Amino acid sequence: MSAKKCIVLDLDNTLWGGIVGEDGFDGIKLSLAGPGAGFVAFQQALLDLYNKGVILAINSHNNYEDAIRVIKTHPNMILRENNFAAVRINWNDKTSNLKELAKEINIGLDSMVFLDDDPANRALVKAILPEVETPEMPSNPSDYAKFLIGLPYFDLAALTDEDKMRGNFYTTERLRRESEKSFNNQKEFLKSLGLELQIFIDDPSQLARLAQLTGKTNQFNFNKYELSEKNIADFINNKDYRIFYGRLTDCFGDYGIISFAVVKKGAELWHIDQFLMSCRVIERGVEEAFLAAIAKIAKDNQAENLSITFVQTEKNKPAQDFLEKYFKENPVPIDDIIDSPYWVATNLLSNENGKI
């Protein structure tokens, strides 16, 4: 069973007892003692997972204003609005909501776990979206927390800084989406972000995160194979290879380490054996800037051409689109990459704190 990234939650009788639209704000069960205590314990268990990098989202049949008032202001709510990467509180079909949530968060449906107290909703999701993991929930809310802790879906063994930052990233990402609405085109929006990509070369200080990226990155991954920390350390110590990674920041915050490449050096040709980037920064010019940085270093070492390995998978269409756009020939002359007006205009590259 593959590890999951996101828990999608119902609200009524899942995060609190009762139906807020019928019982009202003061009538729902959410307390430190009595029948509401199980829901508080469940929320605390969810918050613990959130703090370890598990994404939370909401998929609820409800009146939005009634439900959001509870989330924002109820004194016994453990989870608040900023803990949720995306929210669907409406009367739409829950399977349609799940598809929209996956698209908004930019993850696959097979990365989701759906928790809903209603057997009918669970059956519907299982029938229409079998790729979404939809476990049977206990009938007694006092067992919810124990049930959650026992789920086998979340690989939390190696907790990186990026894992800890993930919840905050989705909060800042909502701010970015709101900001984008005020711009007429994407170029002006990206310019307003003040994006800065720091490039590191043969730096062994982030082996856990780099190994994690090779295992979890699917969409923008040219050659999907998992590397261990030892594998990456061996490449760093091998004079025939260079290891590149990038850390991205903007005016809203820190994305963390989001790109990684394994490059084999040659006299005239440098070959990129593995090139990947977190899906959360696709189409912000980062993929071009990262490749441009590799090309610049290759040229500084008298290389003339750059080639890349691409192995198609069911999920890496974004990587294929990039390949077809920028590697019309393989290998490609390095000067063609460095001289690209778009890459020069992005102004993403920074040497500060990097090793260039």
Protein backbone atom coordinates (compact mmCIF):
# COMPACT_ATOMS: atom_id res chain seq x y z
CA MET A 1 0.00 0.00 0.00
CA SER A 2 1.42 3.38 -1.04
CA ALA A 3 1.72 6.16 1.54
CA LYS A 4 -1.05 8.76 1.56
CA LYS A 5 -0.62 12.53 1.76
CA CYS A 6 -4.05 13.95 2.60
CA ILE A 7 -7.00 13.27 4.93
CA VAL A 8 -10.32 14.61 3.62
CA LEU A 9 -12.86 15.08 6.40
CA ASP A 10 -16.60 15.29 6.73
CA LEU A 11 -17.85 17.67 9.46
CA ASP A 12 -21.21 16.71 11.06
CA ASN A 13 -20.79 13.66 13.30
CA THR A 14 -17.15 13.44 12.18
CA LEU A 15 -15.35 16.52 13.54
CA TRP A 16 -18.22 17.30 15.92
CA GLY A 17 -21.34 15.54 17.14
CA GLY A 18 -24.70 16.42 15.67
CA ILE A 19 -25.75 18.41 12.61
CA VAL A 20 -24.91 22.09 12.90
CA GLY A 21 -27.61 23.14 10.43
CA GLU A 22 -30.26 21.53 12.61
CA ASP A 23 -28.81 21.56 16.13
CA GLY A 24 -27.25 25.00 15.84
CA PHE A 25 -23.89 26.34 17.00
CA ASP A 26 -24.68 25.73 20.69
CA GLY A 27 -26.32 22.35 20.13
CA ILE A 28 -23.47 20.39 18.56
CA LYS A 29 -21.41 18.01 20.71
CA LEU A 30 -17.86 19.29 21.06
CA SER A 31 -16.57 19.41 24.63
CA LEU A 32 -13.76 18.40 26.95
CA ALA A 33 -16.05 15.98 28.80
CA GLY A 34 -19.15 13.96 28.07
CA PRO A 35 -20.34 12.94 24.57
CA GLY A 36 -18.34 15.66 22.81
CA ALA A 37 -14.97 14.60 24.21
CA GLY A 38 -14.40 11.93 21.58
CA PHE A 39 -14.57 14.54 18.84
CA VAL A 40 -12.07 16.80 20.61
CA ALA A 41 -9.68 13.85 20.99
CA PHE A 42 -10.13 12.98 17.32
CA GLN A 43 -9.32 16.56 16.28
CA GLN A 44 -6.22 16.54 18.46
CA ALA A 45 -5.04 13.33 16.80
CA LEU A 46 -5.63 14.96 13.41
CA LEU A 47 -3.66 18.02 14.49
CA ASP A 48 -0.77 15.78 15.51
CA LEU A 49 -0.72 14.30 11.99
CA TYR A 50 -0.99 17.79 10.48
CA ASN A 51 2.08 18.85 12.48
CA LYS A 52 3.92 15.86 11.00
CA GLY A 53 3.12 16.92 7.44
CA VAL A 54 -0.21 15.23 6.64
CA ILE A 55 -2.49 17.51 4.60
CA LEU A 56 -6.04 18.09 5.86
CA ALA A 57 -9.06 19.07 3.76
CA ILE A 58 -12.84 19.31 4.22
CA ASN A 59 -15.63 17.72 2.14
CA SER A 60 -18.97 18.38 3.82
CA HIS A 61 -22.66 18.65 2.93
CA ASN A 62 -23.53 21.76 4.91
CA ASN A 63 -24.49 25.40 4.85
CA TYR A 64 -21.13 27.12 4.51
CA GLU A 65 -21.79 29.95 6.97
CA ASP A 66 -23.03 27.59 9.69
CA ALA A 67 -20.05 25.25 9.37
CA ILE A 68 -17.34 27.87 8.99
CA ARG A 69 -18.60 29.69 12.08
CA VAL A 70 -17.96 26.57 14.15
CA ILE A 71 -14.49 26.12 12.65
CA LYS A 72 -13.54 29.74 13.24
CA THR A 73 -15.09 30.48 16.63
CA HIS A 74 -16.21 27.42 18.62
CA PRO A 75 -14.16 27.44 21.85
CA ASN A 76 -13.55 23.68 21.76
CA MET A 77 -12.43 23.39 18.14
CA ILE A 78 -8.85 22.11 17.97
CA LEU A 79 -8.59 22.48 14.19
CA ARG A 80 -9.03 25.93 12.69
CA GLU A 81 -9.44 27.21 9.15
CA ASN A 82 -5.70 27.60 8.57
CA ASN A 83 -5.19 23.87 9.23
CA PHE A 84 -7.09 22.95 6.05
CA ALA A 85 -5.38 23.08 2.67
CA ALA A 86 -8.70 23.26 0.82
CA VAL A 87 -12.38 23.30 1.75
CA ARG A 88 -15.58 22.15 0.04
CA ILE A 89 -18.61 22.94 2.19
CA ASN A 90 -21.59 22.75 -0.13
CA TRP A 91 -24.37 20.44 -1.33
CA ASN A 92 -22.50 19.06 -4.34
CA ASP A 93 -21.79 15.40 -4.92
CA LYS A 94 -18.96 14.35 -2.59
CA THR A 95 -17.10 12.54 -5.35
CA SER A 96 -17.10 15.72 -7.44
CA ASN A 97 -15.82 17.62 -4.41
CA LEU A 98 -13.00 15.11 -3.98
CA LYS A 99 -11.92 15.57 -7.59
CA GLU A 100 -11.90 19.34 -7.13
CA LEU A 101 -9.94 19.08 -3.88
CA ALA A 102 -7.30 16.86 -5.51
CA LYS A 103 -6.94 19.36 -8.35
CA GLU A 104 -6.71 22.36 -6.00
CA ILE A 105 -4.15 20.73 -3.71
CA ASN A 106 -2.36 19.28 -6.74
CA ILE A 107 -2.19 15.68 -5.58
CA GLY A 108 -3.55 12.45 -6.99
CA LEU A 109 -6.81 10.95 -5.78
CA ASP A 110 -4.79 7.91 -4.76
CA SER A 111 -2.98 10.13 -2.23
CA MET A 112 -6.23 10.79 -0.32
CA VAL A 113 -7.96 9.16 2.64
CA PHE A 114 -11.64 10.08 3.02
CA LEU A 115 -13.18 9.96 6.51
CA ASP A 116 -16.97 10.25 6.79
CA ASP A 117 -19.31 8.85 9.43
CA ASP A 118 -22.08 8.22 6.87
CA PRO A 119 -21.97 4.68 5.37
CA ALA A 120 -23.87 5.88 2.28
CA ASN A 121 -21.24 8.52 1.49
CA ARG A 122 -18.45 6.02 2.04
CA ALA A 123 -20.12 3.50 -0.27
CA LEU A 124 -20.57 6.15 -2.98
CA VAL A 125 -16.91 7.15 -2.88
CA LYS A 126 -15.75 3.53 -2.87
CA ALA A 127 -17.90 2.78 -5.92
CA ILE A 128 -17.04 5.85 -8.01
CA LEU A 129 -13.53 6.72 -6.78
CA PRO A 130 -11.95 3.43 -5.67
CA GLU A 131 -8.51 5.04 -5.81
CA VAL A 132 -9.45 7.15 -2.77
CA GLU A 133 -8.86 5.14 0.42
CA THR A 134 -12.18 5.15 2.32
CA PRO A 135 -11.96 3.11 5.53
CA GLU A 136 -14.95 2.11 7.66
CA MET A 137 -15.20 4.37 10.69
CA PRO A 138 -16.13 3.18 14.21
CA SER A 139 -19.74 3.62 15.24
CA ASN A 140 -18.72 5.16 18.56
CA PRO A 141 -17.01 8.60 18.32
CA SER A 142 -15.00 7.82 21.46
CA ASP A 143 -13.07 5.33 19.29
CA TYR A 144 -12.28 7.83 16.51
CA ALA A 145 -8.87 8.90 17.82
CA LYS A 146 -7.65 5.36 18.37
CA PHE A 147 -8.96 4.39 14.93
CA LEU A 148 -7.05 7.28 13.31
CA ILE A 149 -3.79 6.48 15.09
CA GLY A 150 -4.05 2.88 13.88
CA LEU A 151 -4.42 3.72 10.18
CA PRO A 152 -1.48 2.35 8.14
CA TYR A 153 -1.48 5.01 5.44
CA PHE A 154 1.03 7.60 6.61
CA ASP A 155 4.79 7.12 6.43
CA LEU A 156 6.14 9.39 9.17
CA ALA A 157 9.42 7.60 9.85
CA ALA A 158 11.72 10.26 8.38
CA LEU A 159 10.32 13.68 9.27
CA THR A 160 12.04 16.48 7.35
CA ASP A 161 11.79 20.25 7.71
CA GLU A 162 9.57 20.28 4.61
CA ASP A 163 7.17 17.83 6.28
CA LYS A 164 6.83 20.15 9.25
CA MET A 165 6.29 23.13 6.94
CA ARG A 166 3.66 21.48 4.74
CA GLY A 167 0.59 22.68 6.63
CA ASN A 168 1.85 26.25 6.64
CA PHE A 169 2.63 25.99 2.93
CA TYR A 170 -1.02 25.40 2.08
CA THR A 171 -2.03 28.40 4.18
CA THR A 172 0.40 30.64 2.31
CA GLU A 173 -0.64 29.06 -0.99
CA ARG A 174 -4.20 30.31 -0.41
CA LEU A 175 -2.72 33.79 0.05
CA ARG A 176 -0.88 33.43 -3.25
CA ARG A 177 -4.07 32.40 -5.07
CA GLU A 178 -5.91 35.40 -3.67
CA SER A 179 -3.05 37.69 -4.68
CA GLU A 180 -3.01 36.27 -8.22
CA LYS A 181 -6.60 37.43 -8.78
CA SER A 182 -5.44 41.05 -8.75
CA PHE A 183 -3.07 40.59 -11.72
CA ASN A 184 -3.96 40.56 -15.41
CA ASN A 185 -1.37 37.95 -16.40
CA GLN A 186 0.77 35.26 -14.81
CA LYS A 187 4.07 36.94 -15.67
CA GLU A 188 3.22 40.01 -13.60
CA PHE A 189 1.96 37.81 -10.76
CA LEU A 190 5.17 35.75 -10.69
CA LYS A 191 7.24 38.94 -10.74
CA SER A 192 5.30 40.23 -7.71
CA LEU A 193 6.16 37.11 -5.71
CA GLY A 194 9.87 37.92 -5.57
CA LEU A 195 10.77 34.29 -6.18
CA GLU A 196 14.34 33.32 -5.28
CA LEU A 197 15.85 29.93 -6.05
CA GLN A 198 19.00 29.05 -4.13
CA ILE A 199 21.10 26.37 -5.80
CA PHE A 200 23.27 23.94 -3.82
CA ILE A 201 25.84 21.56 -5.32
CA ASP A 202 27.25 18.40 -3.73
CA ASP A 203 25.90 19.48 -0.33
CA PRO A 204 25.35 16.51 2.03
CA SER A 205 23.37 18.41 4.68
CA GLN A 206 19.91 17.56 3.31
CA LEU A 207 20.19 13.88 2.43
CA ALA A 208 16.93 12.89 4.16
CA ARG A 209 14.87 15.44 2.21
CA LEU A 210 16.55 14.60 -1.10
CA ALA A 211 15.92 10.89 -0.63
CA GLN A 212 12.32 11.70 0.27
CA LEU A 213 11.88 13.71 -2.94
CA THR A 214 13.04 10.77 -5.08
CA GLY A 215 10.44 8.53 -3.44
CA LYS A 216 7.47 10.89 -3.41
CA THR A 217 7.78 13.02 -6.55
CA ASN A 218 5.71 11.65 -9.43
CA GLN A 219 4.38 14.36 -11.74
CA PHE A 220 7.53 16.33 -12.53
CA ASN A 221 10.03 13.46 -12.45
CA PHE A 222 11.94 12.56 -15.60
CA ASN A 223 13.34 9.24 -14.41
CA LYS A 224 11.40 7.80 -11.48
CA TYR A 225 13.59 5.70 -9.24
CA GLU A 226 14.08 5.98 -5.52
CA LEU A 227 17.45 6.79 -4.00
CA SER A 228 18.49 6.22 -0.41
CA GLU A 229 20.51 8.71 1.62
CA LYS A 230 23.54 6.48 1.09
CA ASN A 231 22.97 6.41 -2.68
CA ILE A 232 22.95 10.20 -2.81
CA ALA A 233 26.00 10.47 -0.55
CA ASP A 234 27.84 8.08 -2.88
CA PHE A 235 27.03 10.32 -5.87
CA ILE A 236 28.30 13.36 -3.94
CA ASN A 237 31.59 11.58 -3.28
CA ASN A 238 31.93 10.39 -6.88
CA LYS A 239 34.08 12.80 -8.94
CA ASP A 240 32.18 11.85 -12.12
CA TYR A 241 28.86 13.18 -10.81
CA ARG A 242 27.35 16.39 -9.44
CA ILE A 243 24.30 16.56 -7.19
CA PHE A 244 22.15 19.69 -7.48
CA TYR A 245 19.21 20.78 -5.36
CA GLY A 246 17.20 23.97 -5.04
CA ARG A 247 15.46 25.81 -2.20
CA LEU A 248 12.72 28.29 -3.13
CA THR A 249 11.39 31.31 -1.24
CA ASP A 250 9.02 34.17 -2.11
CA CYS A 251 7.36 37.12 -0.38
CA PHE A 252 4.85 34.81 1.32
CA GLY A 253 7.30 32.31 2.77
CA ASP A 254 9.64 29.36 2.30
CA TYR A 255 8.76 26.46 -0.01
CA GLY A 256 11.72 24.46 1.30
CA ILE A 257 13.83 22.15 -0.87
CA ILE A 258 11.82 21.55 -4.02
CA SER A 259 14.18 20.33 -6.79
CA PHE A 260 16.87 17.69 -7.23
CA ALA A 261 19.11 16.45 -10.04
CA VAL A 262 21.80 13.81 -10.55
CA VAL A 263 24.20 14.85 -13.34
CA LYS A 264 27.03 12.82 -14.88
CA LYS A 265 29.93 14.96 -16.07
CA GLY A 266 31.73 14.47 -19.36
CA ALA A 267 34.32 16.40 -21.31
CA GLU A 268 31.84 17.90 -23.80
CA LEU A 269 28.52 16.39 -22.65
CA TRP A 270 26.86 16.54 -19.24
CA HIS A 271 24.03 14.04 -18.83
CA ILE A 272 21.11 14.56 -16.44
CA ASP A 273 20.22 11.10 -15.14
CA GLN A 274 17.55 12.25 -12.70
CA PHE A 275 15.70 15.58 -12.72
CA LEU A 276 12.68 16.22 -10.52
CA MET A 277 10.74 18.97 -8.81
CA SER A 278 7.94 19.16 -6.28
CA CYS A 279 4.56 19.48 -8.00
CA ARG A 280 3.62 22.40 -5.75
CA VAL A 281 5.87 24.81 -7.70
CA ILE A 282 5.20 23.66 -11.26
CA GLU A 283 4.68 26.44 -13.84
CA ARG A 284 6.30 29.20 -11.81
CA GLY A 285 9.47 29.31 -13.88
CA VAL A 286 11.33 27.24 -11.30
CA GLU A 287 11.87 24.22 -13.54
CA GLU A 288 13.45 26.43 -16.21
CA ALA A 289 15.62 28.27 -13.69
CA PHE A 290 16.85 25.01 -12.14
CA LEU A 291 17.82 23.62 -15.54
CA ALA A 292 19.48 26.92 -16.46
CA ALA A 293 21.62 26.72 -13.31
CA ILE A 294 22.79 23.21 -14.25
CA ALA A 295 23.54 24.39 -17.80
CA LYS A 296 25.56 27.36 -16.51
CA ILE A 297 27.74 25.16 -14.30
CA ALA A 298 28.21 22.68 -17.16
CA LYS A 299 29.34 25.47 -19.49
CA ASP A 300 31.72 26.83 -16.84
CA ASN A 301 33.29 23.36 -16.94
CA GLN A 302 33.74 23.55 -20.76
CA ALA A 303 30.79 21.26 -21.61
CA GLU A 304 28.96 22.09 -24.85
CA ASN A 305 25.86 19.91 -24.71
CA LEU A 306 23.32 18.73 -22.17
CA SER A 307 21.29 15.52 -22.42
CA ILE A 308 18.60 14.06 -20.18
CA THR A 309 17.02 10.69 -19.45
CA PHE A 310 13.24 10.48 -19.68
CA VAL A 311 11.23 7.40 -18.73
CA GLN A 312 7.49 7.76 -19.16
CA THR A 313 5.15 6.77 -16.30
CA GLU A 314 1.41 7.04 -15.74
CA LYS A 315 1.86 10.25 -13.75
CA ASN A 316 4.74 12.27 -15.23
CA LYS A 317 2.95 14.05 -18.10
CA PRO A 318 4.12 17.49 -16.79
CA ALA A 319 7.72 16.31 -17.12
CA GLN A 320 7.02 15.03 -20.63
CA ASP A 321 5.50 18.38 -21.64
CA PHE A 322 8.63 20.16 -20.38
CA LEU A 323 10.86 17.73 -22.29
CA GLU A 324 8.96 18.25 -25.55
CA LYS A 325 9.09 22.03 -25.15
CA TYR A 326 12.74 22.50 -24.21
CA PHE A 327 14.51 19.33 -25.38
CA LYS A 328 13.44 19.30 -29.01
CA GLU A 329 16.79 17.60 -29.56
CA ASN A 330 18.55 15.40 -27.03
CA PRO A 331 21.31 16.36 -26.39
CA VAL A 332 20.65 20.08 -26.65
CA PRO A 333 23.36 22.76 -27.05
CA ILE A 334 24.00 24.37 -23.66
CA ASP A 335 24.01 27.86 -25.17
CA ASP A 336 20.42 27.34 -26.33
CA ILE A 337 19.41 26.82 -22.70
CA ILE A 338 21.41 29.65 -21.19
CA ASP A 339 20.40 32.14 -23.91
CA SER A 340 16.66 31.50 -23.55
CA PRO A 341 15.03 34.94 -23.12
CA TYR A 342 12.38 33.47 -20.83
CA TRP A 343 14.92 31.98 -18.43
CA VAL A 344 16.97 35.16 -18.36
CA ALA A 345 13.81 37.21 -17.66
CA THR A 346 12.66 35.06 -14.76
CA ASN A 347 15.54 36.34 -12.59
CA LEU A 348 15.06 33.45 -10.17
CA LEU A 349 18.62 32.35 -9.58
CA SER A 350 20.51 33.41 -6.49
CA ASN A 351 23.97 32.57 -5.20
CA GLU A 352 23.20 33.69 -1.66
CA ASN A 353 23.67 30.74 0.74
CA GLY A 354 24.14 28.50 -2.26
CA LYS A 355 27.34 26.91 -3.49
CA ILE A 356 27.56 28.39 -6.98
